[in-house]
Amino acid sequence: VFADADLLKLGRRTATVDVRLWQGDDRRLVAQATVGYVLPD
């Protein structure tokens, strides 16, 4: 299973990432996630 993580936003306090999970062909997704992080102050 491959995970392609693309930064959508990298700010001073938060970051948002689009993660697409796939097998065999990166156009055939098994799952898609949006992940948010609070960055250290």
Full PDB file with SEQRES, HELIX, SHEET, SSBOND, CRYST1, ORIGX, SCALE, CONECT and MASTER records, all heavy atoms in Angstrom:
SEQRES   1 A   41  VAL PHE ALA ASP ALA ASP LEU LEU LYS LEU GLY ARG ARG          
SEQRES   2 A   41  THR ALA THR VAL ASP VAL ARG LEU TRP GLN GLY ASP ASP          
SEQRES   3 A   41  ARG ARG LEU VAL ALA GLN ALA THR VAL GLY TYR VAL LEU          
SEQRES   4 A   41  PRO ASP                                                      
SHEET    1 AA1 3 PHE A   2  LEU A  10  0                                        
SHEET    2 AA1 3 THR A  14  TRP A  22 -1                                        
SHEET    3 AA1 3 LEU A  29  VAL A  38 -1                                        
CRYST1    1.000    1.000    1.000  90.00  90.00  90.00 P 1           1          
ORIGX1      1.000000  0.000000  0.000000        0.00000                         
ORIGX2      0.000000  1.000000  0.000000        0.00000                         
ORIGX3      0.000000  0.000000  1.000000        0.00000                         
SCALE1      1.000000  0.000000  0.000000        0.00000                         
SCALE2      0.000000  1.000000  0.000000        0.00000                         
SCALE3      0.000000  0.000000  1.000000        0.00000                         
ATOM      1  N   VAL A   1       0.875  -1.173   0.000  1.00  0.00           N  
ATOM      2  CA  VAL A   1       0.000   0.000   0.000  1.00  0.00           C  
ATOM      3  C   VAL A   1       0.909   1.219   0.000  1.00  0.00           C  
ATOM      4  O   VAL A   1       1.851   1.302   0.788  1.00  0.00           O  
ATOM      5  CB  VAL A   1      -0.890   0.057   1.259  1.00  0.00           C  
ATOM      6  CG1 VAL A   1      -1.845   1.246   1.185  1.00  0.00           C  
ATOM      7  CG2 VAL A   1      -1.630  -1.235   1.482  1.00  0.00           C  
ATOM      8  N   PHE A   2       0.629   2.170  -0.879  1.00  0.00           N  
ATOM      9  CA  PHE A   2       1.409   3.402  -0.947  1.00  0.00           C  
ATOM     10  C   PHE A   2       0.574   4.561  -0.427  1.00  0.00           C  
ATOM     11  O   PHE A   2      -0.640   4.602  -0.627  1.00  0.00           O  
ATOM     12  CB  PHE A   2       1.859   3.676  -2.381  1.00  0.00           C  
ATOM     13  CG  PHE A   2       2.857   2.678  -2.873  1.00  0.00           C  
ATOM     14  CD1 PHE A   2       2.436   1.508  -3.486  1.00  0.00           C  
ATOM     15  CD2 PHE A   2       4.216   2.880  -2.692  1.00  0.00           C  
ATOM     16  CE1 PHE A   2       3.348   0.560  -3.925  1.00  0.00           C  
ATOM     17  CE2 PHE A   2       5.136   1.931  -3.119  1.00  0.00           C  
ATOM     18  CZ  PHE A   2       4.694   0.773  -3.739  1.00  0.00           C  
ATOM     19  N   ALA A   3       1.249   5.488   0.244  1.00  0.00           N  
ATOM     20  CA  ALA A   3       0.616   6.704   0.755  1.00  0.00           C  
ATOM     21  C   ALA A   3       1.330   7.899   0.157  1.00  0.00           C  
ATOM     22  O   ALA A   3       2.530   8.074   0.360  1.00  0.00           O  
ATOM     23  CB  ALA A   3       0.703   6.746   2.274  1.00  0.00           C  
ATOM     24  N   ASP A   4       0.598   8.697  -0.604  1.00  0.00           N  
ATOM     25  CA  ASP A   4       1.128   9.953  -1.142  1.00  0.00           C  
ATOM     26  C   ASP A   4       0.581  11.092  -0.298  1.00  0.00           C  
ATOM     27  O   ASP A   4      -0.636  11.334  -0.291  1.00  0.00           O  
ATOM     28  CB  ASP A   4       0.726  10.143  -2.604  1.00  0.00           C  
ATOM     29  CG  ASP A   4       1.449   9.200  -3.540  1.00  0.00           C  
ATOM     30  OD1 ASP A   4       2.492   8.644  -3.139  1.00  0.00           O  
ATOM     31  OD2 ASP A   4       0.980   9.007  -4.674  1.00  0.00           O  
ATOM     32  N   ALA A   5       1.461  11.760   0.442  1.00  0.00           N  
ATOM     33  CA  ALA A   5       1.073  12.850   1.330  1.00  0.00           C  
ATOM     34  C   ALA A   5       1.464  14.175   0.697  1.00  0.00           C  
ATOM     35  O   ALA A   5       2.651  14.418   0.438  1.00  0.00           O  
ATOM     36  CB  ALA A   5       1.755  12.684   2.684  1.00  0.00           C  
ATOM     37  N   ASP A   6       0.464  15.011   0.431  1.00  0.00           N  
ATOM     38  CA  ASP A   6       0.675  16.326  -0.173  1.00  0.00           C  
ATOM     39  C   ASP A   6       0.322  17.411   0.829  1.00  0.00           C  
ATOM     40  O   ASP A   6      -0.805  17.437   1.352  1.00  0.00           O  
ATOM     41  CB  ASP A   6      -0.188  16.495  -1.423  1.00  0.00           C  
ATOM     42  CG  ASP A   6       0.297  15.656  -2.576  1.00  0.00           C  
ATOM     43  OD1 ASP A   6       1.389  15.939  -3.079  1.00  0.00           O  
ATOM     44  OD2 ASP A   6      -0.429  14.712  -2.968  1.00  0.00           O  
ATOM     45  N   LEU A   7       1.271  18.311   1.081  1.00  0.00           N  
ATOM     46  CA  LEU A   7       1.003  19.435   1.976  1.00  0.00           C  
ATOM     47  C   LEU A   7       0.038  20.403   1.294  1.00  0.00           C  
ATOM     48  O   LEU A   7       0.316  20.913   0.209  1.00  0.00           O  
ATOM     49  CB  LEU A   7       2.303  20.183   2.275  1.00  0.00           C  
ATOM     50  CG  LEU A   7       3.120  19.681   3.438  1.00  0.00           C  
ATOM     51  CD1 LEU A   7       4.482  20.361   3.472  1.00  0.00           C  
ATOM     52  CD2 LEU A   7       2.395  19.886   4.743  1.00  0.00           C  
ATOM     53  N   LEU A   8      -1.104  20.625   1.921  1.00  0.00           N  
ATOM     54  CA  LEU A   8      -2.047  21.617   1.413  1.00  0.00           C  
ATOM     55  C   LEU A   8      -1.775  22.973   2.041  1.00  0.00           C  
ATOM     56  O   LEU A   8      -1.937  24.007   1.407  1.00  0.00           O  
ATOM     57  CB  LEU A   8      -3.490  21.189   1.715  1.00  0.00           C  
ATOM     58  CG  LEU A   8      -3.934  19.863   1.107  1.00  0.00           C  
ATOM     59  CD1 LEU A   8      -5.361  19.539   1.543  1.00  0.00           C  
ATOM     60  CD2 LEU A   8      -3.818  19.898  -0.405  1.00  0.00           C  
ATOM     61  N   LYS A   9      -1.367  22.949   3.318  1.00  0.00           N  
ATOM     62  CA  LYS A   9      -1.055  24.192   4.039  1.00  0.00           C  
ATOM     63  C   LYS A   9       0.017  23.884   5.074  1.00  0.00           C  
ATOM     64  O   LYS A   9      -0.076  22.889   5.797  1.00  0.00           O  
ATOM     65  CB  LYS A   9      -2.292  24.719   4.760  1.00  0.00           C  
ATOM     66  CG  LYS A   9      -1.983  25.948   5.614  1.00  0.00           C  
ATOM     67  CD  LYS A   9      -3.119  26.323   6.528  1.00  0.00           C  
ATOM     68  CE  LYS A   9      -2.679  27.488   7.396  1.00  0.00           C  
ATOM     69  NZ  LYS A   9      -3.556  27.699   8.525  1.00  0.00           N  
ATOM     70  N   LEU A  10       1.018  24.716   5.129  1.00  0.00           N  
ATOM     71  CA  LEU A  10       2.026  24.643   6.181  1.00  0.00           C  
ATOM     72  C   LEU A  10       2.176  26.049   6.739  1.00  0.00           C  
ATOM     73  O   LEU A  10       2.889  26.882   6.183  1.00  0.00           O  
ATOM     74  CB  LEU A  10       3.360  24.120   5.638  1.00  0.00           C  
ATOM     75  CG  LEU A  10       4.476  23.969   6.665  1.00  0.00           C  
ATOM     76  CD1 LEU A  10       4.074  22.994   7.774  1.00  0.00           C  
ATOM     77  CD2 LEU A  10       5.753  23.495   5.990  1.00  0.00           C  
ATOM     78  N   GLY A  11       1.425  26.304   7.807  1.00  0.00           N  
ATOM     79  CA  GLY A  11       1.459  27.612   8.438  1.00  0.00           C  
ATOM     80  C   GLY A  11       2.355  27.613   9.660  1.00  0.00           C  
ATOM     81  O   GLY A  11       3.065  26.649   9.942  1.00  0.00           O  
ATOM     82  N   ARG A  12       2.302  28.724  10.410  1.00  0.00           N  
ATOM     83  CA  ARG A  12       3.104  28.817  11.627  1.00  0.00           C  
ATOM     84  C   ARG A  12       2.563  27.930  12.731  1.00  0.00           C  
ATOM     85  O   ARG A  12       3.319  27.407  13.540  1.00  0.00           O  
ATOM     86  CB  ARG A  12       3.132  30.269  12.121  1.00  0.00           C  
ATOM     87  CG  ARG A  12       4.024  31.153  11.300  1.00  0.00           C  
ATOM     88  CD  ARG A  12       4.198  32.561  11.867  1.00  0.00           C  
ATOM     89  NE  ARG A  12       3.925  32.677  13.281  1.00  0.00           N  
ATOM     90  CZ  ARG A  12       2.974  33.462  13.789  1.00  0.00           C  
ATOM     91  NH1 ARG A  12       2.209  34.183  13.024  1.00  0.00           N  
ATOM     92  NH2 ARG A  12       2.792  33.524  15.082  1.00  0.00           N  
ATOM     93  N   ARG A  13       1.250  27.760  12.784  1.00  0.00           N  
ATOM     94  CA  ARG A  13       0.628  27.019  13.883  1.00  0.00           C  
ATOM     95  C   ARG A  13      -0.076  25.728  13.456  1.00  0.00           C  
ATOM     96  O   ARG A  13      -0.279  24.852  14.281  1.00  0.00           O  
ATOM     97  CB  ARG A  13      -0.368  27.902  14.612  1.00  0.00           C  
ATOM     98  CG  ARG A  13       0.300  29.086  15.260  1.00  0.00           C  
ATOM     99  CD  ARG A  13      -0.712  29.885  16.049  1.00  0.00           C  
ATOM    100  NE  ARG A  13      -0.113  31.090  16.568  1.00  0.00           N  
ATOM    101  CZ  ARG A  13       0.395  31.198  17.780  1.00  0.00           C  
ATOM    102  NH1 ARG A  13       0.386  30.168  18.582  1.00  0.00           N  
ATOM    103  NH2 ARG A  13       0.910  32.324  18.191  1.00  0.00           N  
ATOM    104  N   THR A  14      -0.479  25.651  12.195  1.00  0.00           N  
ATOM    105  CA  THR A  14      -1.199  24.461  11.739  1.00  0.00           C  
ATOM    106  C   THR A  14      -0.689  24.001  10.371  1.00  0.00           C  
ATOM    107  O   THR A  14      -0.110  24.785   9.620  1.00  0.00           O  
ATOM    108  CB  THR A  14      -2.719  24.711  11.624  1.00  0.00           C  
ATOM    109  OG1 THR A  14      -2.956  25.706  10.625  1.00  0.00           O  
ATOM    110  CG2 THR A  14      -3.324  25.134  12.952  1.00  0.00           C  
ATOM    111  N   ALA A  15      -0.932  22.744  10.109  1.00  0.00           N  
ATOM    112  CA  ALA A  15      -0.623  22.170   8.800  1.00  0.00           C  
ATOM    113  C   ALA A  15      -1.777  21.258   8.403  1.00  0.00           C  
ATOM    114  O   ALA A  15      -2.393  20.609   9.254  1.00  0.00           O  
ATOM    115  CB  ALA A  15       0.682  21.383   8.849  1.00  0.00           C  
ATOM    116  N   THR A  16      -2.059  21.217   7.104  1.00  0.00           N  
ATOM    117  CA  THR A  16      -3.098  20.342   6.568  1.00  0.00           C  
ATOM    118  C   THR A  16      -2.499  19.545   5.430  1.00  0.00           C  
ATOM    119  O   THR A  16      -1.806  20.090   4.571  1.00  0.00           O  
ATOM    120  CB  THR A  16      -4.306  21.158   6.071  1.00  0.00           C  
ATOM    121  OG1 THR A  16      -4.776  21.984   7.137  1.00  0.00           O  
ATOM    122  CG2 THR A  16      -5.425  20.247   5.592  1.00  0.00           C  
ATOM    123  N   VAL A  17      -2.775  18.233   5.442  1.00  0.00           N  
ATOM    124  CA  VAL A  17      -2.173  17.316   4.472  1.00  0.00           C  
ATOM    125  C   VAL A  17      -3.259  16.452   3.839  1.00  0.00           C  
ATOM    126  O   VAL A  17      -4.138  15.940   4.541  1.00  0.00           O  
ATOM    127  CB  VAL A  17      -1.130  16.403   5.161  1.00  0.00           C  
ATOM    128  CG1 VAL A  17      -0.463  15.475   4.150  1.00  0.00           C  
ATOM    129  CG2 VAL A  17      -0.084  17.237   5.902  1.00  0.00           C  
ATOM    130  N   ASP A  18      -3.184  16.305   2.528  1.00  0.00           N  
ATOM    131  CA  ASP A  18      -4.025  15.366   1.791  1.00  0.00           C  
ATOM    132  C   ASP A  18      -3.214  14.087   1.615  1.00  0.00           C  
ATOM    133  O   ASP A  18      -2.086  14.138   1.118  1.00  0.00           O  
ATOM    134  CB  ASP A  18      -4.396  15.947   0.421  1.00  0.00           C  
ATOM    135  CG  ASP A  18      -5.152  14.954  -0.431  1.00  0.00           C  
ATOM    136  OD1 ASP A  18      -6.274  14.571  -0.048  1.00  0.00           O  
ATOM    137  OD2 ASP A  18      -4.619  14.546  -1.484  1.00  0.00           O  
ATOM    138  N   VAL A  19      -3.767  12.947   2.039  1.00  0.00           N  
ATOM    139  CA  VAL A  19      -3.066  11.669   1.910  1.00  0.00           C  
ATOM    140  C   VAL A  19      -3.927  10.730   1.080  1.00  0.00           C  
ATOM    141  O   VAL A  19      -5.090  10.490   1.419  1.00  0.00           O  
ATOM    142  CB  VAL A  19      -2.762  11.019   3.276  1.00  0.00           C  
ATOM    143  CG1 VAL A  19      -1.973   9.728   3.087  1.00  0.00           C  
ATOM    144  CG2 VAL A  19      -1.996  11.985   4.177  1.00  0.00           C  
ATOM    145  N   ARG A  20      -3.357  10.243   0.001  1.00  0.00           N  
ATOM    146  CA  ARG A  20      -4.055   9.300  -0.873  1.00  0.00           C  
ATOM    147  C   ARG A  20      -3.365   7.944  -0.785  1.00  0.00           C  
ATOM    148  O   ARG A  20      -2.163   7.847  -1.029  1.00  0.00           O  
ATOM    149  CB  ARG A  20      -4.067   9.829  -2.295  1.00  0.00           C  
ATOM    150  CG  ARG A  20      -4.926  11.078  -2.370  1.00  0.00           C  
ATOM    151  CD  ARG A  20      -4.776  11.848  -3.658  1.00  0.00           C  
ATOM    152  NE  ARG A  20      -5.547  13.067  -3.543  1.00  0.00           N  
ATOM    153  CZ  ARG A  20      -6.696  13.276  -4.167  1.00  0.00           C  
ATOM    154  NH1 ARG A  20      -7.182  12.373  -4.979  1.00  0.00           N  
ATOM    155  NH2 ARG A  20      -7.340  14.406  -4.005  1.00  0.00           N  
ATOM    156  N   LEU A  21      -4.136   6.929  -0.425  1.00  0.00           N  
ATOM    157  CA  LEU A  21      -3.623   5.565  -0.282  1.00  0.00           C  
ATOM    158  C   LEU A  21      -4.039   4.761  -1.516  1.00  0.00           C  
ATOM    159  O   LEU A  21      -5.204   4.812  -1.913  1.00  0.00           O  
ATOM    160  CB  LEU A  21      -4.182   4.917   0.980  1.00  0.00           C  
ATOM    161  CG  LEU A  21      -3.953   5.681   2.285  1.00  0.00           C  
ATOM    162  CD1 LEU A  21      -4.617   4.962   3.446  1.00  0.00           C  
ATOM    163  CD2 LEU A  21      -2.486   5.881   2.555  1.00  0.00           C  
ATOM    164  N   TRP A  22      -3.082   4.036  -2.079  1.00  0.00           N  
ATOM    165  CA  TRP A  22      -3.367   3.307  -3.318  1.00  0.00           C  
ATOM    166  C   TRP A  22      -2.559   2.022  -3.400  1.00  0.00           C  
ATOM    167  O   TRP A  22      -1.580   1.851  -2.683  1.00  0.00           O  
ATOM    168  CB  TRP A  22      -3.120   4.195  -4.531  1.00  0.00           C  
ATOM    169  CG  TRP A  22      -1.738   4.777  -4.612  1.00  0.00           C  
ATOM    170  CD1 TRP A  22      -1.298   5.928  -4.004  1.00  0.00           C  
ATOM    171  CD2 TRP A  22      -0.620   4.248  -5.320  1.00  0.00           C  
ATOM    172  NE1 TRP A  22       0.029   6.141  -4.301  1.00  0.00           N  
ATOM    173  CE2 TRP A  22       0.478   5.124  -5.111  1.00  0.00           C  
ATOM    174  CE3 TRP A  22      -0.417   3.119  -6.108  1.00  0.00           C  
ATOM    175  CZ2 TRP A  22       1.739   4.904  -5.660  1.00  0.00           C  
ATOM    176  CZ3 TRP A  22       0.836   2.896  -6.661  1.00  0.00           C  
ATOM    177  CH2 TRP A  22       1.890   3.790  -6.431  1.00  0.00           C  
ATOM    178  N   GLN A  23      -3.004   1.160  -4.308  1.00  0.00           N  
ATOM    179  CA  GLN A  23      -2.309  -0.097  -4.591  1.00  0.00           C  
ATOM    180  C   GLN A  23      -2.247  -0.280  -6.098  1.00  0.00           C  
ATOM    181  O   GLN A  23      -3.248  -0.076  -6.787  1.00  0.00           O  
ATOM    182  CB  GLN A  23      -3.058  -1.291  -3.990  1.00  0.00           C  
ATOM    183  CG  GLN A  23      -3.052  -1.310  -2.493  1.00  0.00           C  
ATOM    184  CD  GLN A  23      -3.765  -2.525  -1.942  1.00  0.00           C  
ATOM    185  OE1 GLN A  23      -4.910  -2.779  -2.261  1.00  0.00           O  
ATOM    186  NE2 GLN A  23      -3.069  -3.271  -1.090  1.00  0.00           N  
ATOM    187  N   GLY A  24      -1.077  -0.656  -6.604  1.00  0.00           N  
ATOM    188  CA  GLY A  24      -0.938  -0.986  -8.016  1.00  0.00           C  
ATOM    189  C   GLY A  24      -0.874   0.202  -8.954  1.00  0.00           C  
ATOM    190  O   GLY A  24       0.003   0.281  -9.791  1.00  0.00           O  
ATOM    191  N   ASP A  25      -1.787   1.131  -8.841  1.00  0.00           N  
ATOM    192  CA  ASP A  25      -1.887   2.287  -9.735  1.00  0.00           C  
ATOM    193  C   ASP A  25      -2.316   3.483  -8.897  1.00  0.00           C  
ATOM    194  O   ASP A  25      -3.343   3.421  -8.210  1.00  0.00           O  
ATOM    195  CB  ASP A  25      -2.921   1.985 -10.832  1.00  0.00           C  
ATOM    196  CG  ASP A  25      -3.087   3.103 -11.840  1.00  0.00           C  
ATOM    197  OD1 ASP A  25      -2.753   4.273 -11.540  1.00  0.00           O  
ATOM    198  OD2 ASP A  25      -3.566   2.809 -12.942  1.00  0.00           O  
ATOM    199  N   ASP A  26      -1.545   4.569  -8.949  1.00  0.00           N  
ATOM    200  CA  ASP A  26      -1.845   5.714  -8.082  1.00  0.00           C  
ATOM    201  C   ASP A  26      -3.166   6.401  -8.419  1.00  0.00           C  
ATOM    202  O   ASP A  26      -3.612   7.274  -7.694  1.00  0.00           O  
ATOM    203  CB  ASP A  26      -0.691   6.713  -8.062  1.00  0.00           C  
ATOM    204  CG  ASP A  26      -0.427   7.372  -9.401  1.00  0.00           C  
ATOM    205  OD1 ASP A  26      -1.118   7.082 -10.389  1.00  0.00           O  
ATOM    206  OD2 ASP A  26       0.515   8.191  -9.452  1.00  0.00           O  
ATOM    207  N   ARG A  27      -3.814   5.985  -9.494  1.00  0.00           N  
ATOM    208  CA  ARG A  27      -5.135   6.537  -9.815  1.00  0.00           C  
ATOM    209  C   ARG A  27      -6.261   5.674  -9.241  1.00  0.00           C  
ATOM    210  O   ARG A  27      -7.420   6.043  -9.321  1.00  0.00           O  
ATOM    211  CB  ARG A  27      -5.304   6.666 -11.328  1.00  0.00           C  
ATOM    212  CG  ARG A  27      -4.329   7.692 -11.928  1.00  0.00           C  
ATOM    213  CD  ARG A  27      -4.307   7.606 -13.399  1.00  0.00           C  
ATOM    214  NE  ARG A  27      -3.805   6.257 -13.739  1.00  0.00           N  
ATOM    215  CZ  ARG A  27      -3.619   5.823 -14.956  1.00  0.00           C  
ATOM    216  NH1 ARG A  27      -3.878   6.583 -15.981  1.00  0.00           N  
ATOM    217  NH2 ARG A  27      -3.163   4.597 -15.177  1.00  0.00           N  
ATOM    218  N   ARG A  28      -5.909   4.527  -8.684  1.00  0.00           N  
ATOM    219  CA  ARG A  28      -6.911   3.611  -8.111  1.00  0.00           C  
ATOM    220  C   ARG A  28      -6.774   3.645  -6.585  1.00  0.00           C  
ATOM    221  O   ARG A  28      -6.117   2.803  -5.980  1.00  0.00           O  
ATOM    222  CB  ARG A  28      -6.714   2.209  -8.667  1.00  0.00           C  
ATOM    223  CG  ARG A  28      -7.825   1.276  -8.330  1.00  0.00           C  
ATOM    224  CD  ARG A  28      -7.846   0.077  -9.280  1.00  0.00           C  
ATOM    225  NE  ARG A  28      -8.692  -0.971  -8.781  1.00  0.00           N  
ATOM    226  CZ  ARG A  28     -10.010  -0.984  -8.870  1.00  0.00           C  
ATOM    227  NH1 ARG A  28     -10.631   0.021  -9.448  1.00  0.00           N  
ATOM    228  NH2 ARG A  28     -10.709  -1.990  -8.396  1.00  0.00           N  
ATOM    229  N   LEU A  29      -7.420   4.614  -5.986  1.00  0.00           N  
ATOM    230  CA  LEU A  29      -7.295   4.835  -4.552  1.00  0.00           C  
ATOM    231  C   LEU A  29      -8.063   3.797  -3.745  1.00  0.00           C  
ATOM    232  O   LEU A  29      -9.165   3.397  -4.126  1.00  0.00           O  
ATOM    233  CB  LEU A  29      -7.816   6.219  -4.176  1.00  0.00           C  
ATOM    234  CG  LEU A  29      -7.152   7.421  -4.855  1.00  0.00           C  
ATOM    235  CD1 LEU A  29      -7.781   8.708  -4.350  1.00  0.00           C  
ATOM    236  CD2 LEU A  29      -5.661   7.421  -4.642  1.00  0.00           C  
ATOM    237  N   VAL A  30      -7.467   3.393  -2.625  1.00  0.00           N  
ATOM    238  CA  VAL A  30      -8.190   2.560  -1.663  1.00  0.00           C  
ATOM    239  C   VAL A  30      -8.753   3.427  -0.541  1.00  0.00           C  
ATOM    240  O   VAL A  30      -9.741   3.064   0.094  1.00  0.00           O  
ATOM    241  CB  VAL A  30      -7.330   1.412  -1.101  1.00  0.00           C  
ATOM    242  CG1 VAL A  30      -6.951   0.439  -2.192  1.00  0.00           C  
ATOM    243  CG2 VAL A  30      -6.111   1.910  -0.374  1.00  0.00           C  
ATOM    244  N   ALA A  31      -8.137   4.595  -0.300  1.00  0.00           N  
ATOM    245  CA  ALA A  31      -8.631   5.515   0.722  1.00  0.00           C  
ATOM    246  C   ALA A  31      -8.040   6.901   0.475  1.00  0.00           C  
ATOM    247  O   ALA A  31      -7.012   7.048  -0.183  1.00  0.00           O  
ATOM    248  CB  ALA A  31      -8.256   5.031   2.119  1.00  0.00           C  
ATOM    249  N   GLN A  32      -8.724   7.907   1.009  1.00  0.00           N  
ATOM    250  CA  GLN A  32      -8.239   9.279   0.957  1.00  0.00           C  
ATOM    251  C   GLN A  32      -8.471   9.889   2.326  1.00  0.00           C  
ATOM    252  O   GLN A  32      -9.541   9.724   2.915  1.00  0.00           O  
ATOM    253  CB  GLN A  32      -8.980  10.086  -0.118  1.00  0.00           C  
ATOM    254  CG  GLN A  32      -8.492  11.518  -0.301  1.00  0.00           C  
ATOM    255  CD  GLN A  32      -9.064  12.489   0.717  1.00  0.00           C  
ATOM    256  OE1 GLN A  32     -10.175  12.342   1.168  1.00  0.00           O  
ATOM    257  NE2 GLN A  32      -8.278  13.478   1.091  1.00  0.00           N  
ATOM    258  N   ALA A  33      -7.445  10.569   2.852  1.00  0.00           N  
ATOM    259  CA  ALA A  33      -7.549  11.184   4.174  1.00  0.00           C  
ATOM    260  C   ALA A  33      -7.114  12.639   4.117  1.00  0.00           C  
ATOM    261  O   ALA A  33      -6.238  13.012   3.342  1.00  0.00           O  
ATOM    262  CB  ALA A  33      -6.684  10.424   5.187  1.00  0.00           C  
ATOM    263  N   THR A  34      -7.740  13.438   4.959  1.00  0.00           N  
ATOM    264  CA  THR A  34      -7.294  14.803   5.206  1.00  0.00           C  
ATOM    265  C   THR A  34      -6.863  14.837   6.667  1.00  0.00           C  
ATOM    266  O   THR A  34      -7.645  14.461   7.547  1.00  0.00           O  
ATOM    267  CB  THR A  34      -8.411  15.818   4.940  1.00  0.00           C  
ATOM    268  OG1 THR A  34      -8.872  15.649   3.594  1.00  0.00           O  
ATOM    269  CG2 THR A  34      -7.909  17.242   5.139  1.00  0.00           C  
ATOM    270  N   VAL A  35      -5.607  15.235   6.886  1.00  0.00           N  
ATOM    271  CA  VAL A  35      -5.031  15.190   8.227  1.00  0.00           C  
ATOM    272  C   VAL A  35      -4.580  16.588   8.618  1.00  0.00           C  
ATOM    273  O   VAL A  35      -3.897  17.266   7.851  1.00  0.00           O  
ATOM    274  CB  VAL A  35      -3.832  14.211   8.281  1.00  0.00           C  
ATOM    275  CG1 VAL A  35      -3.329  14.057   9.716  1.00  0.00           C  
ATOM    276  CG2 VAL A  35      -4.189  12.857   7.691  1.00  0.00           C  
ATOM    277  N   GLY A  36      -4.979  17.023   9.812  1.00  0.00           N  
ATOM    278  CA  GLY A  36      -4.565  18.319  10.339  1.00  0.00           C  
ATOM    279  C   GLY A  36      -3.660  18.136  11.539  1.00  0.00           C  
ATOM    280  O   GLY A  36      -3.868  17.234  12.354  1.00  0.00           O  
ATOM    281  N   TYR A  37      -2.660  18.987  11.632  1.00  0.00           N  
ATOM    282  CA  TYR A  37      -1.737  18.971  12.757  1.00  0.00           C  
ATOM    283  C   TYR A  37      -1.648  20.361  13.354  1.00  0.00           C  
ATOM    284  O   TYR A  37      -1.659  21.360  12.635  1.00  0.00           O  
ATOM    285  CB  TYR A  37      -0.330  18.577  12.305  1.00  0.00           C  
ATOM    286  CG  TYR A  37      -0.044  17.102  12.427  1.00  0.00           C  
ATOM    287  CD1 TYR A  37      -0.422  16.225  11.422  1.00  0.00           C  
ATOM    288  CD2 TYR A  37       0.577  16.593  13.560  1.00  0.00           C  
ATOM    289  CE1 TYR A  37      -0.167  14.880  11.537  1.00  0.00           C  
ATOM    290  CE2 TYR A  37       0.822  15.236  13.684  1.00  0.00           C  
ATOM    291  CZ  TYR A  37       0.453  14.387  12.672  1.00  0.00           C  
ATOM    292  OH  TYR A  37       0.687  13.052  12.799  1.00  0.00           O  
ATOM    293  N   VAL A  38      -1.505  20.421  14.673  1.00  0.00           N  
ATOM    294  CA  VAL A  38      -1.146  21.650  15.367  1.00  0.00           C  
ATOM    295  C   VAL A  38       0.359  21.587  15.532  1.00  0.00           C  
ATOM    296  O   VAL A  38       0.908  20.607  16.040  1.00  0.00           O  
ATOM    297  CB  VAL A  38      -1.849  21.753  16.733  1.00  0.00           C  
ATOM    298  CG1 VAL A  38      -1.368  22.981  17.480  1.00  0.00           C  
ATOM    299  CG2 VAL A  38      -3.359  21.779  16.540  1.00  0.00           C  
ATOM    300  N   LEU A  39       1.049  22.623  15.066  1.00  0.00           N  
ATOM    301  CA  LEU A  39       2.514  22.660  15.123  1.00  0.00           C  
ATOM    302  C   LEU A  39       2.985  23.203  16.457  1.00  0.00           C  
ATOM    303  O   LEU A  39       2.278  23.978  17.096  1.00  0.00           O  
ATOM    304  CB  LEU A  39       3.049  23.516  13.973  1.00  0.00           C  
ATOM    305  CG  LEU A  39       2.641  23.059  12.570  1.00  0.00           C  
ATOM    306  CD1 LEU A  39       3.183  24.021  11.530  1.00  0.00           C  
ATOM    307  CD2 LEU A  39       3.102  21.651  12.297  1.00  0.00           C  
ATOM    308  N   PRO A  40       4.207  22.830  16.859  1.00  0.00           N  
ATOM    309  CA  PRO A  40       4.725  23.341  18.135  1.00  0.00           C  
ATOM    310  C   PRO A  40       4.844  24.859  18.079  1.00  0.00           C  
ATOM    311  O   PRO A  40       5.166  25.428  17.031  1.00  0.00           O  
ATOM    312  CB  PRO A  40       6.088  22.681  18.272  1.00  0.00           C  
ATOM    313  CG  PRO A  40       6.397  22.025  16.984  1.00  0.00           C  
ATOM    314  CD  PRO A  40       5.141  21.987  16.161  1.00  0.00           C  
ATOM    315  N   ASP A  41       4.584  25.498  19.212  1.00  0.00           N  
ATOM    316  CA  ASP A  41       4.665  26.943  19.309  1.00  0.00           C  
ATOM    317  C   ASP A  41       6.134  27.349  19.261  1.00  0.00           C  
ATOM    318  O   ASP A  41       6.935  26.946  20.097  1.00  0.00           O  
ATOM    319  CB  ASP A  41       4.021  27.405  20.615  1.00  0.00           C  
ATOM    320  CG  ASP A  41       3.909  28.920  20.706  1.00  0.00           C  
ATOM    321  OD1 ASP A  41       4.367  29.615  19.786  1.00  0.00           O  
ATOM    322  OD2 ASP A  41       3.363  29.391  21.707  1.00  0.00           O  
TER     323      ASP A  41                                                      
MASTER        0    0    0    0    3    0    0    6  322    1    0    4          
END                                                                             
